[in-house]
Amino acid sequence: MIRVVTNQCTGAPEYAGDQDNDPRSTSDCTTGNPTVAQTVRISELQAFTF
């Protein structure tokens, strides 16, 4: 089982809030693109045995 607690968008304060001064663009990660905020891609996986 793989359980994701946070991703880069929801777990990193650097991506929270407006990132630029452009009023025409919402650069906040979670409100600007909610689909991406809920998407996780796993690029590496290590399996260990006990």
N, C-alpha and C. Protein backbone atom coordinates (compact mmCIF):
# COMPACT_ATOMS: atom_id res chain seq x y z
N MET A 1 0.85 -1.16 0.00
CA MET A 1 0.00 0.00 0.00
C MET A 1 0.90 1.23 0.00
N ILE A 2 0.55 2.19 -0.80
CA ILE A 2 1.24 3.47 -0.85
C ILE A 2 0.27 4.54 -0.37
N ARG A 3 0.68 5.28 0.64
CA ARG A 3 -0.16 6.35 1.16
C ARG A 3 0.58 7.67 1.02
N VAL A 4 -0.03 8.62 0.35
CA VAL A 4 0.56 9.93 0.14
C VAL A 4 0.01 10.88 1.19
N VAL A 5 0.90 11.51 1.94
CA VAL A 5 0.49 12.45 2.97
C VAL A 5 0.38 13.85 2.40
N THR A 6 1.40 14.29 1.69
CA THR A 6 1.38 15.60 1.02
C THR A 6 2.10 15.46 -0.31
N ASN A 7 1.90 16.44 -1.15
CA ASN A 7 2.67 16.51 -2.38
C ASN A 7 3.37 17.87 -2.43
N GLN A 8 4.07 18.15 -3.50
CA GLN A 8 4.81 19.40 -3.59
C GLN A 8 3.88 20.60 -3.48
N CYS A 9 2.70 20.48 -4.00
CA CYS A 9 1.75 21.59 -4.01
C CYS A 9 1.14 21.82 -2.62
N THR A 10 0.76 20.77 -1.94
CA THR A 10 0.07 20.93 -0.67
C THR A 10 0.99 20.89 0.54
N GLY A 11 2.19 20.36 0.39
CA GLY A 11 3.07 20.21 1.53
C GLY A 11 4.24 21.17 1.59
N ALA A 12 4.41 22.00 0.57
CA ALA A 12 5.53 22.93 0.54
C ALA A 12 5.03 24.37 0.65
N PRO A 13 5.39 25.06 1.71
CA PRO A 13 4.91 26.45 1.88
C PRO A 13 5.41 27.39 0.78
N GLU A 14 6.48 27.00 0.08
CA GLU A 14 7.00 27.86 -1.00
C GLU A 14 6.02 28.00 -2.15
N TYR A 15 5.10 27.03 -2.28
CA TYR A 15 4.14 27.06 -3.37
C TYR A 15 2.76 27.56 -2.95
N ALA A 16 2.61 27.91 -1.69
CA ALA A 16 1.33 28.41 -1.19
C ALA A 16 1.26 29.92 -1.37
N GLY A 17 0.11 30.40 -1.74
CA GLY A 17 -0.08 31.83 -1.94
C GLY A 17 0.28 32.29 -3.33
N ASP A 18 0.03 33.53 -3.59
CA ASP A 18 0.31 34.10 -4.91
C ASP A 18 1.81 34.25 -5.09
N GLN A 19 2.32 33.78 -6.22
CA GLN A 19 3.76 33.77 -6.47
C GLN A 19 4.24 34.92 -7.34
N ASP A 20 3.32 35.70 -7.89
CA ASP A 20 3.72 36.83 -8.74
C ASP A 20 2.75 37.99 -8.55
N ASN A 21 3.02 39.08 -9.23
CA ASN A 21 2.18 40.27 -9.12
C ASN A 21 1.22 40.43 -10.29
N ASP A 22 0.94 39.36 -11.00
CA ASP A 22 0.06 39.42 -12.16
C ASP A 22 -1.38 39.14 -11.70
N PRO A 23 -2.27 40.14 -11.73
CA PRO A 23 -3.65 39.92 -11.28
C PRO A 23 -4.46 39.03 -12.23
N ARG A 24 -3.97 38.81 -13.45
CA ARG A 24 -4.69 37.98 -14.42
C ARG A 24 -4.39 36.50 -14.24
N SER A 25 -3.41 36.18 -13.41
CA SER A 25 -2.98 34.80 -13.25
C SER A 25 -3.03 34.40 -11.78
N THR A 26 -3.59 33.25 -11.51
CA THR A 26 -3.59 32.72 -10.16
C THR A 26 -2.43 31.73 -10.05
N SER A 27 -1.38 32.13 -9.38
CA SER A 27 -0.21 31.27 -9.30
C SER A 27 -0.19 30.43 -8.03
N ASP A 28 -1.19 30.59 -7.17
CA ASP A 28 -1.28 29.71 -5.99
C ASP A 28 -1.54 28.30 -6.47
N CYS A 29 -0.78 27.37 -5.99
CA CYS A 29 -0.83 25.99 -6.49
C CYS A 29 -2.20 25.33 -6.28
N THR A 30 -2.78 25.47 -5.10
CA THR A 30 -4.02 24.75 -4.82
C THR A 30 -5.25 25.40 -5.41
N THR A 31 -5.29 26.72 -5.50
CA THR A 31 -6.47 27.37 -6.09
C THR A 31 -6.32 27.63 -7.58
N GLY A 32 -5.09 27.76 -8.05
CA GLY A 32 -4.86 28.01 -9.47
C GLY A 32 -5.16 26.82 -10.35
N ASN A 33 -4.86 25.64 -9.85
CA ASN A 33 -5.10 24.42 -10.61
C ASN A 33 -5.40 23.29 -9.63
N PRO A 34 -6.63 23.16 -9.17
CA PRO A 34 -6.95 22.15 -8.16
C PRO A 34 -6.72 20.71 -8.61
N THR A 35 -6.75 20.45 -9.91
CA THR A 35 -6.48 19.10 -10.40
C THR A 35 -5.04 18.70 -10.11
N VAL A 36 -4.11 19.61 -10.34
CA VAL A 36 -2.70 19.34 -10.07
C VAL A 36 -2.46 19.21 -8.57
N ALA A 37 -3.20 19.96 -7.77
CA ALA A 37 -3.02 19.90 -6.32
C ALA A 37 -3.38 18.52 -5.77
N GLN A 38 -4.22 17.78 -6.46
CA GLN A 38 -4.64 16.46 -5.99
C GLN A 38 -3.96 15.32 -6.75
N THR A 39 -3.00 15.63 -7.61
CA THR A 39 -2.33 14.63 -8.42
C THR A 39 -0.95 14.32 -7.86
N VAL A 40 -0.61 13.05 -7.80
CA VAL A 40 0.71 12.63 -7.33
C VAL A 40 1.27 11.63 -8.32
N ARG A 41 2.54 11.82 -8.66
CA ARG A 41 3.24 10.86 -9.52
C ARG A 41 4.44 10.34 -8.76
N ILE A 42 4.61 9.05 -8.75
CA ILE A 42 5.72 8.43 -8.06
C ILE A 42 6.78 8.09 -9.10
N SER A 43 7.99 8.62 -8.89
CA SER A 43 9.04 8.38 -9.88
C SER A 43 10.02 7.30 -9.43
N GLU A 44 10.13 7.07 -8.14
CA GLU A 44 11.02 6.02 -7.65
C GLU A 44 10.33 5.25 -6.54
N LEU A 45 10.65 4.00 -6.46
CA LEU A 45 10.06 3.15 -5.44
C LEU A 45 11.10 2.12 -5.02
N GLN A 46 11.33 2.02 -3.72
CA GLN A 46 12.24 1.01 -3.19
C GLN A 46 11.41 0.02 -2.38
N ALA A 47 11.65 -1.24 -2.59
CA ALA A 47 10.95 -2.28 -1.85
C ALA A 47 11.94 -3.01 -0.95
N PHE A 48 11.58 -3.15 0.30
CA PHE A 48 12.42 -3.84 1.27
C PHE A 48 11.68 -5.04 1.82
N THR A 49 12.41 -6.06 2.19
CA THR A 49 11.78 -7.22 2.81
C THR A 49 12.23 -7.29 4.27
N PHE A 50 11.43 -7.88 5.07
CA PHE A 50 11.75 -8.01 6.49
C PHE A 50 12.28 -9.38 6.79
